[in-house]
C-alpha atoms as a PDB file:
ATOM      1  CA  MET A   1     199.957 -27.706 245.735  1.00  0.00           C
ATOM      2  CA  THR A   2     198.987 -28.893 242.398  1.00  0.00           C
ATOM      3  CA  TYR A   3     196.609 -32.013 242.023  1.00  0.00           C
ATOM      4  CA  ILE A   4     197.545 -32.342 237.723  1.00  0.00           C
ATOM      5  CA  LEU A   5     198.477 -35.074 236.577  1.00  0.00           C
ATOM      6  CA  ASP A   6     200.003 -36.227 232.929  1.00  0.00           C
ATOM      7  CA  GLU A   7     198.125 -38.831 230.991  1.00  0.00           C
ATOM      8  CA  GLN A   8     200.712 -41.433 232.338  1.00  0.00           C
ATOM      9  CA  THR A   9     200.950 -40.426 235.640  1.00  0.00           C
ATOM     10  CA  ALA A  10     197.058 -40.736 235.897  1.00  0.00           C
ATOM     11  CA  ALA A  11     196.817 -44.022 234.071  1.00  0.00           C
ATOM     12  CA  ARG A  12     199.331 -45.656 236.357  1.00  0.00           C
ATOM     13  CA  LEU A  13     197.479 -44.514 239.546  1.00  0.00           C
ATOM     14  CA  ILE A  14     194.143 -45.811 238.135  1.00  0.00           C
ATOM     15  CA  ALA A  15     195.610 -49.352 237.355  1.00  0.00           C
ATOM     16  CA  ALA A  16     196.570 -49.519 240.839  1.00  0.00           C
ATOM     17  CA  GLY A  17     193.534 -48.998 241.743  1.00  0.00           C
ATOM     18  CA  ASN A  18     193.285 -45.110 242.456  1.00  0.00           C
ATOM     19  CA  VAL A  19     190.296 -43.067 241.005  1.00  0.00           C
ATOM     20  CA  VAL A  20     191.474 -39.819 239.002  1.00  0.00           C
ATOM     21  CA  ALA A  21     189.065 -37.104 237.489  1.00  0.00           C
ATOM     22  CA  LEU A  22     189.328 -36.455 233.844  1.00  0.00           C
ATOM     23  CA  PRO A  23     188.213 -34.041 231.282  1.00  0.00           C
ATOM     24  CA  THR A  24     185.627 -35.227 228.382  1.00  0.00           C
ATOM     25  CA  GLU A  25     183.778 -33.855 225.934  1.00  0.00           C
ATOM     26  CA  THR A  26     180.962 -32.886 228.024  1.00  0.00           C
ATOM     27  CA  PHE A  27     182.084 -32.311 231.908  1.00  0.00           C
ATOM     28  CA  TYR A  28     184.899 -33.502 234.005  1.00  0.00           C
ATOM     29  CA  GLY A  29     184.427 -37.524 234.809  1.00  0.00           C
ATOM     30  CA  LEU A  30     185.829 -39.825 237.975  1.00  0.00           C
ATOM     31  CA  ALA A  31     188.144 -42.172 236.600  1.00  0.00           C
ATOM     32  CA  ALA A  32     188.773 -45.671 238.025  1.00  0.00           C
ATOM     33  CA  SER A  33     189.164 -49.053 236.531  1.00  0.00           C
ATOM     34  CA  PRO A  34     185.865 -51.211 236.224  1.00  0.00           C
ATOM     35  CA  LEU A  35     187.804 -54.773 236.508  1.00  0.00           C
ATOM     36  CA  ARG A  36     188.574 -53.376 240.578  1.00  0.00           C
ATOM     37  CA  GLY A  37     186.095 -53.742 243.179  1.00  0.00           C
ATOM     38  CA  ASP A  38     188.514 -52.030 245.292  1.00  0.00           C
ATOM     39  CA  ALA A  39     188.782 -49.224 243.072  1.00  0.00           C
ATOM     40  CA  LEU A  40     184.601 -48.426 242.276  1.00  0.00           C
ATOM     41  CA  SER A  41     184.079 -48.664 246.020  1.00  0.00           C
ATOM     42  CA  LEU A  42     186.398 -45.818 246.262  1.00  0.00           C
ATOM     43  CA  LEU A  43     184.740 -44.466 243.582  1.00  0.00           C
ATOM     44  CA  THR A  44     181.111 -44.508 245.447  1.00  0.00           C
ATOM     45  CA  ARG A  45     182.448 -43.296 248.454  1.00  0.00           C
ATOM     46  CA  ILE A  46     184.170 -40.268 246.866  1.00  0.00           C
ATOM     47  CA  LYS A  47     180.850 -39.465 245.114  1.00  0.00           C
ATOM     48  CA  GLY A  48     178.769 -40.533 247.824  1.00  0.00           C
ATOM     49  CA  ARG A  49     176.408 -41.927 245.803  1.00  0.00           C
ATOM     50  CA  ASP A  50     174.006 -45.136 246.350  1.00  0.00           C
ATOM     51  CA  GLU A  51     176.171 -48.359 244.956  1.00  0.00           C
ATOM     52  CA  GLY A  52     172.549 -49.184 243.328  1.00  0.00           C
ATOM     53  CA  LYS A  53     172.906 -46.934 240.413  1.00  0.00           C
ATOM     54  CA  PRO A  54     174.861 -47.912 237.322  1.00  0.00           C
ATOM     55  CA  VAL A  55     178.304 -46.717 236.598  1.00  0.00           C
ATOM     56  CA  GLY A  56     179.054 -45.502 232.968  1.00  0.00           C
ATOM     57  CA  LEU A  57     182.013 -46.088 231.501  1.00  0.00           C
ATOM     58  CA  ILE A  58     184.574 -44.406 228.662  1.00  0.00           C
ATOM     59  CA  ALA A  59     186.054 -46.940 226.156  1.00  0.00           C
ATOM     60  CA  SER A  60     189.302 -45.937 223.765  1.00  0.00           C
ATOM     61  CA  ASP A  61     187.239 -47.497 221.405  1.00  0.00           C
ATOM     62  CA  THR A  62     184.691 -49.993 219.850  1.00  0.00           C
ATOM     63  CA  GLN A  63     186.691 -53.180 220.427  1.00  0.00           C
ATOM     64  CA  ALA A  64     187.643 -52.144 224.018  1.00  0.00           C
ATOM     65  CA  ILE A  65     184.063 -52.659 224.757  1.00  0.00           C
ATOM     66  CA  THR A  66     183.642 -56.323 223.812  1.00  0.00           C
ATOM     67  CA  SER A  67     185.959 -57.317 226.977  1.00  0.00           C
ATOM     68  CA  VAL A  68     182.059 -56.374 228.779  1.00  0.00           C
ATOM     69  CA  THR A  69     179.572 -56.708 226.480  1.00  0.00           C
ATOM     70  CA  GLY A  70     180.266 -59.524 224.266  1.00  0.00           C
ATOM     71  CA  PRO A  71     180.045 -59.733 220.468  1.00  0.00           C
ATOM     72  CA  LEU A  72     177.713 -56.325 219.134  1.00  0.00           C
ATOM     73  CA  SER A  73     174.894 -57.282 216.966  1.00  0.00           C
ATOM     74  CA  ASP A  74     174.965 -55.784 213.460  1.00  0.00           C
ATOM     75  CA  PRO A  75     172.349 -52.610 214.283  1.00  0.00           C
ATOM     76  CA  VAL A  76     174.174 -51.762 217.626  1.00  0.00           C
ATOM     77  CA  ALA A  77     177.639 -52.091 216.183  1.00  0.00           C
ATOM     78  CA  GLN A  78     176.516 -49.341 213.101  1.00  0.00           C
ATOM     79  CA  LEU A  79     175.322 -47.410 215.889  1.00  0.00           C
ATOM     80  CA  ALA A  80     178.715 -47.114 217.554  1.00  0.00           C
ATOM     81  CA  HIS A  81     180.522 -47.220 214.274  1.00  0.00           C
ATOM     82  CA  ALA A  82     178.476 -43.905 213.167  1.00  0.00           C
ATOM     83  CA  ALA A  83     178.281 -42.132 216.447  1.00  0.00           C
ATOM     84  CA  TRP A  84     181.651 -42.734 218.069  1.00  0.00           C
ATOM     85  CA  PRO A  85     183.912 -41.179 218.889  1.00  0.00           C
ATOM     86  CA  GLY A  86     181.448 -38.770 220.467  1.00  0.00           C
ATOM     87  CA  PRO A  87     178.869 -37.888 223.204  1.00  0.00           C
ATOM     88  CA  LEU A  88     176.381 -41.056 222.772  1.00  0.00           C
ATOM     89  CA  THR A  89     176.323 -43.515 225.703  1.00  0.00           C
ATOM     90  CA  ILE A  90     174.867 -47.039 224.362  1.00  0.00           C
ATOM     91  CA  VAL A  91     173.655 -48.957 227.051  1.00  0.00           C
ATOM     92  CA  PHE A  92     174.550 -53.127 226.426  1.00  0.00           C
ATOM     93  CA  PRO A  93     173.424 -56.180 228.133  1.00  0.00           C
ATOM     94  CA  ALA A  94     176.728 -56.881 230.248  1.00  0.00           C
ATOM     95  CA  LEU A  95     178.227 -60.275 230.330  1.00  0.00           C
ATOM     96  CA  PRO A  96     177.957 -62.282 233.291  1.00  0.00           C
ATOM     97  CA  ASP A  97     181.142 -61.184 235.421  1.00  0.00           C
ATOM     98  CA  ALA A  98     180.719 -57.349 234.716  1.00  0.00           C
ATOM     99  CA  HIS A  99     181.089 -55.870 238.344  1.00  0.00           C
ATOM    100  CA  PRO A 100     177.733 -55.245 239.770  1.00  0.00           C
ATOM    101  CA  ILE A 101     179.027 -51.895 240.734  1.00  0.00           C
ATOM    102  CA  VAL A 102     179.360 -50.916 237.288  1.00  0.00           C
ATOM    103  CA  THR A 103     175.849 -52.598 236.266  1.00  0.00           C
ATOM    104  CA  GLY A 104     174.437 -51.438 239.471  1.00  0.00           C
ATOM    105  CA  GLY A 105     171.983 -55.002 239.182  1.00  0.00           C
ATOM    106  CA  THR A 106     170.683 -53.621 235.880  1.00  0.00           C
ATOM    107  CA  ASN A 107     172.750 -56.783 234.013  1.00  0.00           C
ATOM    108  CA  THR A 108     173.349 -53.869 231.478  1.00  0.00           C
ATOM    109  CA  VAL A 109     176.443 -51.836 230.708  1.00  0.00           C
ATOM    110  CA  ALA A 110     176.680 -48.189 229.512  1.00  0.00           C
ATOM    111  CA  ILE A 111     179.079 -47.129 227.781  1.00  0.00           C
ATOM    112  CA  ARG A 112     180.560 -44.389 225.332  1.00  0.00           C
ATOM    113  CA  VAL A 113     183.723 -43.395 223.428  1.00  0.00           C
ATOM    114  CA  PRO A 114     184.268 -39.682 223.816  1.00  0.00           C
ATOM    115  CA  SER A 115     185.392 -37.549 221.126  1.00  0.00           C
ATOM    116  CA  TRP A 116     187.721 -35.725 223.760  1.00  0.00           C
ATOM    117  CA  GLU A 117     190.952 -37.526 222.403  1.00  0.00           C
ATOM    118  CA  PRO A 118     192.726 -37.304 226.126  1.00  0.00           C
ATOM    119  CA  ALA A 119     189.709 -39.133 227.531  1.00  0.00           C
ATOM    120  CA  ARG A 120     190.609 -41.699 224.997  1.00  0.00           C
ATOM    121  CA  THR A 121     194.017 -41.887 225.618  1.00  0.00           C
ATOM    122  CA  LEU A 122     193.454 -42.045 228.971  1.00  0.00           C
ATOM    123  CA  ALA A 123     191.410 -45.226 228.605  1.00  0.00           C
ATOM    124  CA  ARG A 124     193.648 -46.870 226.368  1.00  0.00           C
ATOM    125  CA  LEU A 125     196.489 -46.383 228.814  1.00  0.00           C
ATOM    126  CA  SER A 126     194.406 -47.780 231.196  1.00  0.00           C
ATOM    127  CA  GLY A 127     193.532 -50.956 229.702  1.00  0.00           C
ATOM    128  CA  GLY A 128     191.111 -49.886 227.511  1.00  0.00           C
ATOM    129  CA  LEU A 129     188.223 -49.051 229.811  1.00  0.00           C
ATOM    130  CA  ILE A 130     187.669 -46.589 232.687  1.00  0.00           C
ATOM    131  CA  THR A 131     184.571 -45.214 234.692  1.00  0.00           C
ATOM    132  CA  ALA A 132     183.209 -42.012 233.677  1.00  0.00           C
ATOM    133  CA  THR A 133     180.736 -41.137 236.186  1.00  0.00           C
ATOM    134  CA  SER A 134     180.789 -37.421 236.565  1.00  0.00           C
ATOM    135  CA  ALA A 135     183.075 -35.530 239.082  1.00  0.00           C
ATOM    136  CA  ASN A 136     180.539 -34.158 241.425  1.00  0.00           C
ATOM    137  CA  LYS A 137     179.061 -34.976 244.851  1.00  0.00           C
ATOM    138  CA  GLN A 138     175.681 -36.930 244.692  1.00  0.00           C
ATOM    139  CA  GLY A 139     173.230 -33.874 243.560  1.00  0.00           C
ATOM    140  CA  GLN A 140     175.437 -31.435 242.575  1.00  0.00           C
ATOM    141  CA  PRO A 141     176.085 -30.127 239.219  1.00  0.00           C
ATOM    142  CA  PRO A 142     179.011 -31.571 237.162  1.00  0.00           C
ATOM    143  CA  PRO A 143     182.011 -29.389 236.682  1.00  0.00           C
ATOM    144  CA  ARG A 144     183.545 -28.363 233.711  1.00  0.00           C
ATOM    145  CA  THR A 145     186.754 -27.103 235.099  1.00  0.00           C
ATOM    146  CA  ALA A 146     189.652 -28.178 237.331  1.00  0.00           C
ATOM    147  CA  GLU A 147     189.114 -25.548 239.757  1.00  0.00           C
ATOM    148  CA  ASP A 148     185.400 -26.660 240.009  1.00  0.00           C
ATOM    149  CA  VAL A 149     186.689 -30.221 240.827  1.00  0.00           C
ATOM    150  CA  ILE A 150     189.243 -29.224 243.292  1.00  0.00           C
ATOM    151  CA  ARG A 151     186.595 -27.294 244.904  1.00  0.00           C
ATOM    152  CA  ALA A 152     184.206 -29.824 245.136  1.00  0.00           C
ATOM    153  CA  PHE A 153     186.521 -33.008 246.469  1.00  0.00           C
ATOM    154  CA  GLN A 154     189.128 -30.387 248.311  1.00  0.00           C
ATOM    155  CA  HIS A 155     188.882 -32.822 251.322  1.00  0.00           C
ATOM    156  CA  GLU A 156     189.091 -35.995 248.881  1.00  0.00           C
ATOM    157  CA  LEU A 157     192.200 -34.797 247.286  1.00  0.00           C
ATOM    158  CA  ASP A 158     194.264 -33.829 250.487  1.00  0.00           C
ATOM    159  CA  ASN A 159     193.531 -36.981 251.996  1.00  0.00           C
ATOM    160  CA  ASP A 160     194.517 -39.028 248.851  1.00  0.00           C
ATOM    161  CA  LEU A 161     191.188 -40.480 248.657  1.00  0.00           C
ATOM    162  CA  LEU A 162     191.178 -38.659 245.150  1.00  0.00           C
ATOM    163  CA  ALA A 163     194.669 -38.865 243.666  1.00  0.00           C
ATOM    164  CA  GLY A 164     194.224 -36.145 241.268  1.00  0.00           C
ATOM    165  CA  ILE A 165     192.905 -34.575 238.113  1.00  0.00           C
ATOM    166  CA  ALA A 166     193.994 -35.549 234.733  1.00  0.00           C
ATOM    167  CA  THR A 167     195.751 -32.549 232.234  1.00  0.00           C
ATOM    168  CA  GLY A 168     192.869 -30.997 229.852  1.00  0.00           C
ATOM    169  CA  GLY A 169     191.770 -27.728 230.810  1.00  0.00           C
ATOM    170  CA  GLN A 170     188.557 -26.642 230.673  1.00  0.00           C
ATOM    171  CA  THR A 171     185.068 -28.960 228.708  1.00  0.00           C
ATOM    172  CA  PRO A 172     182.943 -27.872 226.945  1.00  0.00           C
ATOM    173  CA  GLY A 173     180.133 -28.251 229.610  1.00  0.00           C
ATOM    174  CA  ASP A 174     176.734 -27.870 227.708  1.00  0.00           C
ATOM    175  CA  LYS A 175     175.091 -30.729 228.014  1.00  0.00           C
ATOM    176  CA  PRO A 176     175.789 -34.664 229.276  1.00  0.00           C
ATOM    177  CA  SER A 177     176.208 -37.553 226.542  1.00  0.00           C
ATOM    178  CA  THR A 178     172.569 -38.601 225.395  1.00  0.00           C
ATOM    179  CA  LEU A 179     171.695 -42.188 226.755  1.00  0.00           C
ATOM    180  CA  VAL A 180     170.531 -44.924 224.697  1.00  0.00           C
ATOM    181  CA  ARG A 181     169.314 -48.283 224.589  1.00  0.00           C
ATOM    182  CA  PRO A 182     169.028 -50.552 221.403  1.00  0.00           C
ATOM    183  CA  ASP A 183     166.343 -53.387 221.636  1.00  0.00           C
ATOM    184  CA  GLY A 184     166.467 -54.847 218.408  1.00  0.00           C
ATOM    185  CA  THR A 185     165.060 -52.334 215.767  1.00  0.00           C
ATOM    186  CA  THR A 186     164.047 -50.086 218.260  1.00  0.00           C
ATOM    187  CA  LEU A 187     166.277 -47.464 220.023  1.00  0.00           C
ATOM    188  CA  THR A 188     164.907 -45.996 223.342  1.00  0.00           C
ATOM    189  CA  VAL A 189     166.159 -42.789 224.459  1.00  0.00           C
ATOM    190  CA  LEU A 190     166.440 -42.699 228.248  1.00  0.00           C
ATOM    191  CA  ARG A 191     168.348 -39.380 228.464  1.00  0.00           C
ATOM    192  CA  GLU A 192     168.512 -36.542 226.426  1.00  0.00           C
ATOM    193  CA  GLY A 193     171.866 -34.182 225.782  1.00  0.00           C
ATOM    194  CA  ALA A 194     174.273 -33.636 223.466  1.00  0.00           C
ATOM    195  CA  VAL A 195     172.840 -36.070 220.711  1.00  0.00           C
ATOM    196  CA  ASP A 196     169.773 -34.551 219.098  1.00  0.00           C
ATOM    197  CA  VAL A 197     166.974 -37.261 218.075  1.00  0.00           C
ATOM    198  CA  THR A 198     167.278 -35.644 214.839  1.00  0.00           C
ATOM    199  CA  ALA A 199     171.048 -36.696 214.195  1.00  0.00           C
ATOM    200  CA  LEU A 200     170.341 -40.340 216.083  1.00  0.00           C
ATOM    201  CA  ARG A 201     167.688 -40.730 213.133  1.00  0.00           C
ATOM    202  CA  ARG A 202     170.365 -39.753 210.525  1.00  0.00           C
ATOM    203  CA  ILE A 203     172.119 -42.967 212.405  1.00  0.00           C
ATOM    204  CA  TRP A 204     169.570 -45.587 212.832  1.00  0.00           C
ATOM    205  CA  SER A 205     167.355 -46.756 210.699  1.00  0.00           C
ATOM    206  CA  GLY A 206     164.574 -48.344 213.087  1.00  0.00           C
ATOM    207  CA  ASP A 207     162.218 -47.025 215.719  1.00  0.00           C
ATOM    208  CA  ILE A 208     163.250 -44.248 217.835  1.00  0.00           C
ATOM    209  CA  VAL A 209     161.284 -43.678 221.440  1.00  0.00           C
ATOM    210  CA  LEU A 210     161.696 -41.434 224.169  1.00  0.00           C
ATOM    211  CA  ALA A 211     161.454 -42.803 227.616  1.00  0.00           C
ATOM    212  CA  LYS A 212     158.659 -41.946 229.696  1.00  0.00           C
ATOM    213  CA  PRO A 213     160.504 -39.630 232.767  1.00  0.00           C
ATOM    214  CA  GLN A 214     159.642 -41.791 236.094  1.00  0.00           C
END
């Protein structure tokens, strides 16, 4: 049995409320529509995760994010322009109608525009935004290959909970995206990852601070 989907089929399944695994510039992720509560509930069921944890998003481009963030401030727009496409996830204040599974009750939404072109294409074909939470069960390592995804979700694939895997091959699988939260002229690094602090200093003119470990 093959679980691999072409982009058009994957996008059609996502629009219909299904969850699809997809490759990104870091690891494989799970893509669902952030506008569909049924799809988001299915996503949390597949991962076995607490619905109180926010779900990161992938956008096809910067314009697509404004449907959940509203207009960007000038410093944040400049940061996004300099960093994207790339493995930098930015935490934005969310619009009031953003789904609570996406925000995790934080009133914020975490988004990146990936440098992996197939992921951007799938987001574009799916309306501009898809979820990007890693394609692993809660507490397990993120997968680098389609074979890794199959091993992690064989039961879900065979029982049509996970609709399939978008074509794309092996991912780099080195580091996760760097997670940052802008606040005025300060940029807080919530998770260090593929974009290091030295690179951030080249694209952010204000202060950069590292979040204290929880």
